[in-house]
Amino acid sequence: MPNWQDRTVWVPALTYLGLLPFAACIVADQVFQAPLASQIFQAYGLSIATFLLGSWWGIALTRTGSGRMPWLEIGLSNVFVILAVMIFLMPLAGGLLAQSGLFVVLLAVERWRPVFRSAPSYYQRMRRRVTVWVALLHALMAALKMSPAG
């Protein structure tokens, strides 16, 4: 019987399940020639990026001592949200590559700023792994869109 409160199991499991829409969009695009699949893929990428960036506020506010305002983390969050929207508005193949790079940069910032490094080790390990998968799936979809058949 699973422990329904065990974060070390459920957070990674739910996060990895979040990769399925990316994979499903690639399959729909390539196998079923679904014309909107690549756009849905890119929109889902935007939603994941903005979800992560919104969580930065909560993390920074709860992990910074009272009386101190985590201006850098909140400012970076806002700047990256604007950047994520600008990337979303780019032509598809280039936008997908840029979105891939954005996920890597977000992870790098999380590794750089002490407030984010205080996350549990299981979470940090999962974030590294899922970022690799997300970046690779974005690069794959971009490559498929750049191919002559794409």
N, C-alpha and C. Protein backbone atom coordinates (compact mmCIF):
# COMPACT_ATOMS: atom_id res chain seq x y z
N MET A 1 0.84 -1.19 0.00
CA MET A 1 0.00 0.00 0.00
C MET A 1 0.88 1.25 0.00
N PRO A 2 0.73 2.11 -1.00
CA PRO A 2 1.58 3.30 -1.06
C PRO A 2 1.22 4.30 0.04
N ASN A 3 2.22 5.01 0.49
CA ASN A 3 2.00 6.09 1.44
C ASN A 3 1.62 7.32 0.64
N TRP A 4 0.38 7.75 0.73
CA TRP A 4 -0.15 8.87 -0.07
C TRP A 4 0.45 10.21 0.34
N GLN A 5 1.21 10.24 1.41
CA GLN A 5 1.83 11.49 1.87
C GLN A 5 3.33 11.54 1.61
N ASP A 6 3.89 10.53 0.98
CA ASP A 6 5.33 10.44 0.77
C ASP A 6 5.75 11.31 -0.43
N ARG A 7 6.25 12.49 -0.14
CA ARG A 7 6.66 13.43 -1.19
C ARG A 7 7.80 12.88 -2.04
N THR A 8 8.66 12.08 -1.42
CA THR A 8 9.82 11.57 -2.17
C THR A 8 9.40 10.62 -3.28
N VAL A 9 8.18 10.11 -3.19
CA VAL A 9 7.64 9.24 -4.24
C VAL A 9 6.76 10.05 -5.20
N TRP A 10 5.82 10.81 -4.64
CA TRP A 10 4.79 11.45 -5.46
C TRP A 10 5.28 12.65 -6.26
N VAL A 11 6.15 13.47 -5.70
CA VAL A 11 6.63 14.64 -6.44
C VAL A 11 7.39 14.20 -7.70
N PRO A 12 8.37 13.31 -7.59
CA PRO A 12 9.03 12.86 -8.83
C PRO A 12 8.07 12.14 -9.78
N ALA A 13 7.19 11.30 -9.24
CA ALA A 13 6.26 10.56 -10.11
C ALA A 13 5.38 11.52 -10.90
N LEU A 14 4.81 12.51 -10.24
CA LEU A 14 3.96 13.47 -10.93
C LEU A 14 4.76 14.32 -11.92
N THR A 15 5.98 14.63 -11.55
CA THR A 15 6.82 15.41 -12.45
C THR A 15 7.16 14.63 -13.70
N TYR A 16 7.54 13.39 -13.55
CA TYR A 16 7.86 12.57 -14.73
C TYR A 16 6.61 12.34 -15.58
N LEU A 17 5.45 12.20 -14.95
CA LEU A 17 4.21 12.08 -15.72
C LEU A 17 3.97 13.34 -16.55
N GLY A 18 4.48 14.47 -16.07
CA GLY A 18 4.36 15.73 -16.80
C GLY A 18 5.14 15.73 -18.11
N LEU A 19 6.01 14.75 -18.32
CA LEU A 19 6.71 14.61 -19.60
C LEU A 19 5.82 14.00 -20.67
N LEU A 20 4.77 13.28 -20.25
CA LEU A 20 3.93 12.58 -21.22
C LEU A 20 3.27 13.49 -22.25
N PRO A 21 2.76 14.68 -21.88
CA PRO A 21 2.20 15.53 -22.93
C PRO A 21 3.21 15.93 -24.00
N PHE A 22 4.47 16.14 -23.61
CA PHE A 22 5.50 16.44 -24.61
C PHE A 22 5.64 15.26 -25.57
N ALA A 23 5.78 14.05 -25.01
CA ALA A 23 5.94 12.86 -25.84
C ALA A 23 4.70 12.62 -26.71
N ALA A 24 3.53 12.83 -26.13
CA ALA A 24 2.28 12.63 -26.89
C ALA A 24 2.18 13.59 -28.06
N CYS A 25 2.64 14.82 -27.86
CA CYS A 25 2.62 15.79 -28.96
C CYS A 25 3.56 15.40 -30.07
N ILE A 26 4.72 14.85 -29.73
CA ILE A 26 5.66 14.39 -30.76
C ILE A 26 5.03 13.24 -31.54
N VAL A 27 4.42 12.29 -30.84
CA VAL A 27 3.76 11.16 -31.51
C VAL A 27 2.62 11.68 -32.38
N ALA A 28 1.79 12.55 -31.85
CA ALA A 28 0.66 13.08 -32.63
C ALA A 28 1.15 13.82 -33.87
N ASP A 29 2.24 14.56 -33.72
CA ASP A 29 2.79 15.31 -34.85
C ASP A 29 3.34 14.38 -35.92
N GLN A 30 4.07 13.36 -35.52
CA GLN A 30 4.76 12.50 -36.48
C GLN A 30 3.90 11.35 -37.00
N VAL A 31 3.14 10.73 -36.13
CA VAL A 31 2.37 9.55 -36.53
C VAL A 31 1.03 9.94 -37.14
N PHE A 32 0.36 10.88 -36.49
CA PHE A 32 -0.99 11.24 -36.92
C PHE A 32 -1.05 12.54 -37.74
N GLN A 33 0.13 13.14 -37.95
CA GLN A 33 0.21 14.38 -38.71
C GLN A 33 -0.76 15.44 -38.18
N ALA A 34 -0.89 15.50 -36.85
CA ALA A 34 -1.79 16.46 -36.21
C ALA A 34 -1.16 17.86 -36.32
N PRO A 35 -1.80 18.77 -37.04
CA PRO A 35 -1.18 20.06 -37.31
C PRO A 35 -0.97 20.94 -36.07
N LEU A 36 -1.75 20.78 -35.06
CA LEU A 36 -1.61 21.62 -33.86
C LEU A 36 -0.69 21.04 -32.80
N ALA A 37 -0.21 19.82 -33.00
CA ALA A 37 0.56 19.14 -31.97
C ALA A 37 1.83 19.91 -31.58
N SER A 38 2.53 20.45 -32.55
CA SER A 38 3.76 21.18 -32.23
C SER A 38 3.45 22.49 -31.51
N GLN A 39 2.34 23.11 -31.85
CA GLN A 39 1.96 24.35 -31.16
C GLN A 39 1.49 24.05 -29.73
N ILE A 40 0.81 22.95 -29.55
CA ILE A 40 0.40 22.54 -28.20
C ILE A 40 1.65 22.20 -27.38
N PHE A 41 2.61 21.53 -28.00
CA PHE A 41 3.88 21.21 -27.35
C PHE A 41 4.52 22.49 -26.84
N GLN A 42 4.62 23.50 -27.70
CA GLN A 42 5.27 24.75 -27.33
C GLN A 42 4.47 25.48 -26.24
N ALA A 43 3.14 25.47 -26.34
CA ALA A 43 2.31 26.11 -25.32
C ALA A 43 2.44 25.39 -23.98
N TYR A 44 2.52 24.07 -24.01
CA TYR A 44 2.72 23.31 -22.77
C TYR A 44 4.08 23.65 -22.17
N GLY A 45 5.10 23.80 -23.01
CA GLY A 45 6.41 24.22 -22.52
C GLY A 45 6.34 25.58 -21.83
N LEU A 46 5.61 26.51 -22.43
CA LEU A 46 5.43 27.82 -21.81
C LEU A 46 4.74 27.68 -20.46
N SER A 47 3.72 26.85 -20.39
CA SER A 47 2.99 26.71 -19.12
C SER A 47 3.88 26.08 -18.04
N ILE A 48 4.72 25.13 -18.42
CA ILE A 48 5.63 24.52 -17.45
C ILE A 48 6.65 25.54 -16.97
N ALA A 49 7.21 26.31 -17.89
CA ALA A 49 8.19 27.34 -17.51
C ALA A 49 7.57 28.36 -16.56
N THR A 50 6.37 28.83 -16.87
CA THR A 50 5.75 29.83 -16.01
C THR A 50 5.35 29.23 -14.66
N PHE A 51 4.97 27.97 -14.64
CA PHE A 51 4.69 27.29 -13.37
C PHE A 51 5.94 27.27 -12.49
N LEU A 52 7.06 26.86 -13.08
CA LEU A 52 8.32 26.84 -12.33
C LEU A 52 8.68 28.23 -11.81
N LEU A 53 8.56 29.21 -12.68
CA LEU A 53 8.94 30.57 -12.30
C LEU A 53 8.01 31.15 -11.24
N GLY A 54 6.75 30.80 -11.28
CA GLY A 54 5.83 31.22 -10.23
C GLY A 54 6.17 30.59 -8.90
N SER A 55 6.63 29.33 -8.96
CA SER A 55 7.01 28.66 -7.70
C SER A 55 8.23 29.32 -7.08
N TRP A 56 9.06 29.97 -7.88
CA TRP A 56 10.22 30.66 -7.33
C TRP A 56 9.80 31.69 -6.30
N TRP A 57 8.69 32.36 -6.52
CA TRP A 57 8.22 33.37 -5.54
C TRP A 57 7.98 32.71 -4.18
N GLY A 58 7.21 31.63 -4.18
CA GLY A 58 6.91 30.96 -2.93
C GLY A 58 8.14 30.42 -2.24
N ILE A 59 9.03 29.83 -3.02
CA ILE A 59 10.27 29.29 -2.45
C ILE A 59 11.09 30.41 -1.85
N ALA A 60 11.30 31.47 -2.62
CA ALA A 60 12.14 32.58 -2.15
C ALA A 60 11.53 33.26 -0.93
N LEU A 61 10.22 33.44 -0.93
CA LEU A 61 9.58 34.13 0.20
C LEU A 61 9.60 33.28 1.46
N THR A 62 9.45 31.98 1.33
CA THR A 62 9.43 31.14 2.53
C THR A 62 10.83 30.79 3.02
N ARG A 63 11.82 30.86 2.16
CA ARG A 63 13.18 30.48 2.56
C ARG A 63 14.08 31.68 2.85
N THR A 64 13.52 32.89 2.76
CA THR A 64 14.27 34.10 3.08
C THR A 64 13.76 34.61 4.41
N GLY A 65 14.67 34.98 5.28
CA GLY A 65 14.30 35.45 6.61
C GLY A 65 13.34 36.63 6.56
N SER A 66 12.44 36.68 7.56
CA SER A 66 11.50 37.80 7.60
C SER A 66 12.29 39.09 7.77
N GLY A 67 11.78 40.13 7.19
CA GLY A 67 12.49 41.40 7.21
C GLY A 67 13.41 41.56 6.01
N ARG A 68 13.58 40.48 5.25
CA ARG A 68 14.38 40.56 4.02
C ARG A 68 13.48 40.22 2.84
N MET A 69 13.67 40.93 1.78
CA MET A 69 12.90 40.69 0.55
C MET A 69 13.83 40.07 -0.48
N PRO A 70 13.44 38.92 -1.05
CA PRO A 70 14.29 38.24 -2.04
C PRO A 70 14.16 38.89 -3.43
N TRP A 71 14.63 40.13 -3.53
CA TRP A 71 14.45 40.89 -4.76
C TRP A 71 15.05 40.21 -5.98
N LEU A 72 16.24 39.65 -5.85
CA LEU A 72 16.90 39.05 -7.02
C LEU A 72 16.08 37.88 -7.57
N GLU A 73 15.66 36.98 -6.70
CA GLU A 73 14.90 35.81 -7.16
C GLU A 73 13.56 36.22 -7.78
N ILE A 74 12.88 37.16 -7.15
CA ILE A 74 11.59 37.61 -7.68
C ILE A 74 11.79 38.36 -9.00
N GLY A 75 12.82 39.19 -9.04
CA GLY A 75 13.13 39.91 -10.28
C GLY A 75 13.49 38.96 -11.41
N LEU A 76 14.33 37.97 -11.11
CA LEU A 76 14.69 36.99 -12.14
C LEU A 76 13.46 36.22 -12.61
N SER A 77 12.58 35.88 -11.69
CA SER A 77 11.35 35.19 -12.06
C SER A 77 10.57 36.01 -13.08
N ASN A 78 10.39 37.27 -12.80
CA ASN A 78 9.63 38.14 -13.71
C ASN A 78 10.31 38.28 -15.06
N VAL A 79 11.62 38.47 -15.05
CA VAL A 79 12.37 38.62 -16.30
C VAL A 79 12.25 37.34 -17.13
N PHE A 80 12.38 36.18 -16.48
CA PHE A 80 12.30 34.93 -17.22
C PHE A 80 10.89 34.63 -17.73
N VAL A 81 9.86 35.08 -17.03
CA VAL A 81 8.49 34.91 -17.54
C VAL A 81 8.33 35.72 -18.83
N ILE A 82 8.80 36.95 -18.81
CA ILE A 82 8.73 37.78 -20.02
C ILE A 82 9.52 37.14 -21.15
N LEU A 83 10.71 36.64 -20.84
CA LEU A 83 11.52 35.95 -21.84
C LEU A 83 10.81 34.71 -22.38
N ALA A 84 10.17 33.95 -21.50
CA ALA A 84 9.45 32.74 -21.93
C ALA A 84 8.32 33.09 -22.89
N VAL A 85 7.61 34.16 -22.63
CA VAL A 85 6.54 34.59 -23.54
C VAL A 85 7.13 35.05 -24.88
N MET A 86 8.23 35.79 -24.83
CA MET A 86 8.88 36.22 -26.07
C MET A 86 9.35 35.01 -26.90
N ILE A 87 9.88 34.01 -26.22
CA ILE A 87 10.31 32.78 -26.90
C ILE A 87 9.10 32.09 -27.53
N PHE A 88 8.00 32.06 -26.82
CA PHE A 88 6.78 31.43 -27.33
C PHE A 88 6.31 32.11 -28.63
N LEU A 89 6.56 33.40 -28.75
CA LEU A 89 6.12 34.15 -29.93
C LEU A 89 7.08 34.03 -31.12
N MET A 90 8.21 33.37 -30.90
CA MET A 90 9.18 33.17 -31.99
C MET A 90 8.65 32.15 -32.99
N PRO A 91 9.24 32.12 -34.21
CA PRO A 91 8.89 31.04 -35.14
C PRO A 91 9.14 29.68 -34.47
N LEU A 92 8.35 28.70 -34.83
CA LEU A 92 8.26 27.45 -34.09
C LEU A 92 9.59 26.74 -33.83
N ALA A 93 10.34 26.40 -34.84
CA ALA A 93 11.56 25.60 -34.63
C ALA A 93 12.56 26.34 -33.75
N GLY A 94 12.81 27.59 -34.05
CA GLY A 94 13.72 28.39 -33.23
C GLY A 94 13.19 28.59 -31.83
N GLY A 95 11.88 28.76 -31.71
CA GLY A 95 11.26 28.92 -30.40
C GLY A 95 11.40 27.68 -29.55
N LEU A 96 11.27 26.51 -30.18
CA LEU A 96 11.43 25.26 -29.44
C LEU A 96 12.86 25.10 -28.94
N LEU A 97 13.83 25.45 -29.78
CA LEU A 97 15.23 25.37 -29.34
C LEU A 97 15.50 26.36 -28.22
N ALA A 98 14.96 27.57 -28.35
CA ALA A 98 15.15 28.57 -27.30
C ALA A 98 14.46 28.13 -26.01
N GLN A 99 13.29 27.52 -26.13
CA GLN A 99 12.58 27.03 -24.95
C GLN A 99 13.40 25.93 -24.27
N SER A 100 14.01 25.08 -25.06
CA SER A 100 14.89 24.04 -24.52
C SER A 100 16.01 24.67 -23.71
N GLY A 101 16.65 25.67 -24.28
CA GLY A 101 17.72 26.38 -23.58
C GLY A 101 17.23 27.08 -22.33
N LEU A 102 16.02 27.62 -22.39
CA LEU A 102 15.46 28.30 -21.22
C LEU A 102 15.35 27.35 -20.03
N PHE A 103 14.89 26.13 -20.27
CA PHE A 103 14.77 25.17 -19.17
C PHE A 103 16.13 24.86 -18.54
N VAL A 104 17.15 24.79 -19.36
CA VAL A 104 18.50 24.55 -18.84
C VAL A 104 18.97 25.75 -18.02
N VAL A 105 18.69 26.95 -18.51
CA VAL A 105 19.08 28.16 -17.78
C VAL A 105 18.34 28.24 -16.44
N LEU A 106 17.06 27.90 -16.43
CA LEU A 106 16.30 27.93 -15.17
C LEU A 106 16.91 26.98 -14.15
N LEU A 107 17.29 25.80 -14.60
CA LEU A 107 17.95 24.86 -13.68
C LEU A 107 19.27 25.43 -13.20
N ALA A 108 20.03 26.05 -14.09
CA ALA A 108 21.31 26.64 -13.69
C ALA A 108 21.12 27.72 -12.63
N VAL A 109 20.09 28.54 -12.78
CA VAL A 109 19.81 29.57 -11.77
C VAL A 109 19.44 28.91 -10.45
N GLU A 110 18.65 27.85 -10.50
CA GLU A 110 18.28 27.15 -9.28
C GLU A 110 19.51 26.54 -8.60
N ARG A 111 20.50 26.15 -9.37
CA ARG A 111 21.74 25.60 -8.79
C ARG A 111 22.62 26.73 -8.26
N TRP A 112 22.51 27.92 -8.82
CA TRP A 112 23.34 29.07 -8.46
C TRP A 112 22.86 29.77 -7.19
N ARG A 113 21.57 29.96 -7.05
CA ARG A 113 21.03 30.73 -5.93
C ARG A 113 20.82 29.83 -4.70
N PRO A 114 21.41 30.20 -3.57
CA PRO A 114 21.32 29.38 -2.35
C PRO A 114 19.88 29.09 -1.91
N VAL A 115 18.98 30.03 -2.12
CA VAL A 115 17.60 29.83 -1.67
C VAL A 115 16.96 28.62 -2.37
N PHE A 116 17.35 28.35 -3.60
CA PHE A 116 16.80 27.20 -4.32
C PHE A 116 17.59 25.92 -4.04
N ARG A 117 18.86 26.07 -3.72
CA ARG A 117 19.70 24.89 -3.43
C ARG A 117 19.29 24.21 -2.13
N SER A 118 18.47 24.87 -1.33
CA SER A 118 18.04 24.27 -0.07
C SER A 118 16.92 23.25 -0.26
N ALA A 119 16.50 23.04 -1.50
CA ALA A 119 15.46 22.04 -1.77
C ALA A 119 15.99 20.64 -1.40
N PRO A 120 15.10 19.73 -1.05
CA PRO A 120 15.53 18.37 -0.69
C PRO A 120 16.32 17.71 -1.83
N SER A 121 17.21 16.81 -1.48
CA SER A 121 18.08 16.18 -2.48
C SER A 121 17.28 15.39 -3.52
N TYR A 122 16.20 14.71 -3.10
CA TYR A 122 15.40 13.96 -4.08
C TYR A 122 14.82 14.90 -5.13
N TYR A 123 14.43 16.11 -4.70
CA TYR A 123 13.86 17.09 -5.62
C TYR A 123 14.93 17.61 -6.58
N GLN A 124 16.10 17.93 -6.05
CA GLN A 124 17.18 18.44 -6.89
C GLN A 124 17.60 17.40 -7.94
N ARG A 125 17.68 16.15 -7.52
CA ARG A 125 18.05 15.07 -8.44
C ARG A 125 16.98 14.94 -9.54
N MET A 126 15.72 14.96 -9.13
CA MET A 126 14.62 14.86 -10.08
C MET A 126 14.62 16.05 -11.04
N ARG A 127 14.86 17.26 -10.54
CA ARG A 127 14.88 18.46 -11.39
C ARG A 127 15.97 18.35 -12.45
N ARG A 128 17.13 17.87 -12.09
CA ARG A 128 18.20 17.72 -13.07
C ARG A 128 17.78 16.72 -14.16
N ARG A 129 17.27 15.60 -13.74
CA ARG A 129 16.89 14.56 -14.71
C ARG A 129 15.75 15.00 -15.62
N VAL A 130 14.73 15.58 -15.05
CA VAL A 130 13.58 15.97 -15.87
C VAL A 130 13.95 17.13 -16.80
N THR A 131 14.86 18.00 -16.37
CA THR A 131 15.30 19.08 -17.25
C THR A 131 16.03 18.52 -18.46
N VAL A 132 16.84 17.51 -18.26
CA VAL A 132 17.52 16.88 -19.40
C VAL A 132 16.48 16.33 -20.38
N TRP A 133 15.48 15.63 -19.86
CA TRP A 133 14.44 15.07 -20.72
C TRP A 133 13.65 16.16 -21.44
N VAL A 134 13.28 17.20 -20.73
CA VAL A 134 12.51 18.28 -21.34
C VAL A 134 13.34 18.95 -22.43
N ALA A 135 14.60 19.21 -22.15
CA ALA A 135 15.47 19.84 -23.15
C ALA A 135 15.63 18.95 -24.39
N LEU A 136 15.82 17.65 -24.17
CA LEU A 136 15.97 16.73 -25.29
C LEU A 136 14.69 16.62 -26.12
N LEU A 137 13.55 16.56 -25.45
CA LEU A 137 12.28 16.48 -26.18
C LEU A 137 12.04 17.76 -27.00
N HIS A 138 12.40 18.90 -26.43
CA HIS A 138 12.28 20.16 -27.18
C HIS A 138 13.21 20.15 -28.40
N ALA A 139 14.44 19.71 -28.20
CA ALA A 139 15.39 19.66 -29.31
C ALA A 139 14.91 18.69 -30.39
N LEU A 140 14.33 17.57 -29.98
CA LEU A 140 13.80 16.60 -30.94
C LEU A 140 12.65 17.22 -31.74
N MET A 141 11.71 17.84 -31.07
CA MET A 141 10.58 18.45 -31.78
C MET A 141 11.08 19.55 -32.72
N ALA A 142 12.05 20.33 -32.27
CA ALA A 142 12.61 21.38 -33.14
C ALA A 142 13.26 20.77 -34.37
N ALA A 143 14.03 19.70 -34.17
CA ALA A 143 14.68 19.04 -35.30
C ALA A 143 13.65 18.49 -36.28
N LEU A 144 12.59 17.91 -35.75
CA LEU A 144 11.52 17.39 -36.63
C LEU A 144 10.85 18.51 -37.40
N LYS A 145 10.71 19.67 -36.80
CA LYS A 145 10.08 20.80 -37.48
C LYS A 145 11.01 21.43 -38.51
N MET A 146 12.33 21.24 -38.33
CA MET A 146 13.30 21.78 -39.29
C MET A 146 13.55 20.82 -40.45
N SER A 147 13.15 19.57 -40.28
CA SER A 147 13.39 18.59 -41.34
C SER A 147 12.49 18.92 -42.54
N PRO A 148 12.88 18.46 -43.73
CA PRO A 148 12.07 18.76 -44.92
C PRO A 148 10.62 18.30 -44.80
N ALA A 149 10.39 17.19 -44.09
CA ALA A 149 9.01 16.71 -43.92
C ALA A 149 8.26 17.48 -42.85
N GLY A 150 8.99 18.21 -41.94
CA GLY A 150 8.38 18.91 -40.80
C GLY A 150 7.65 20.10 -41.23
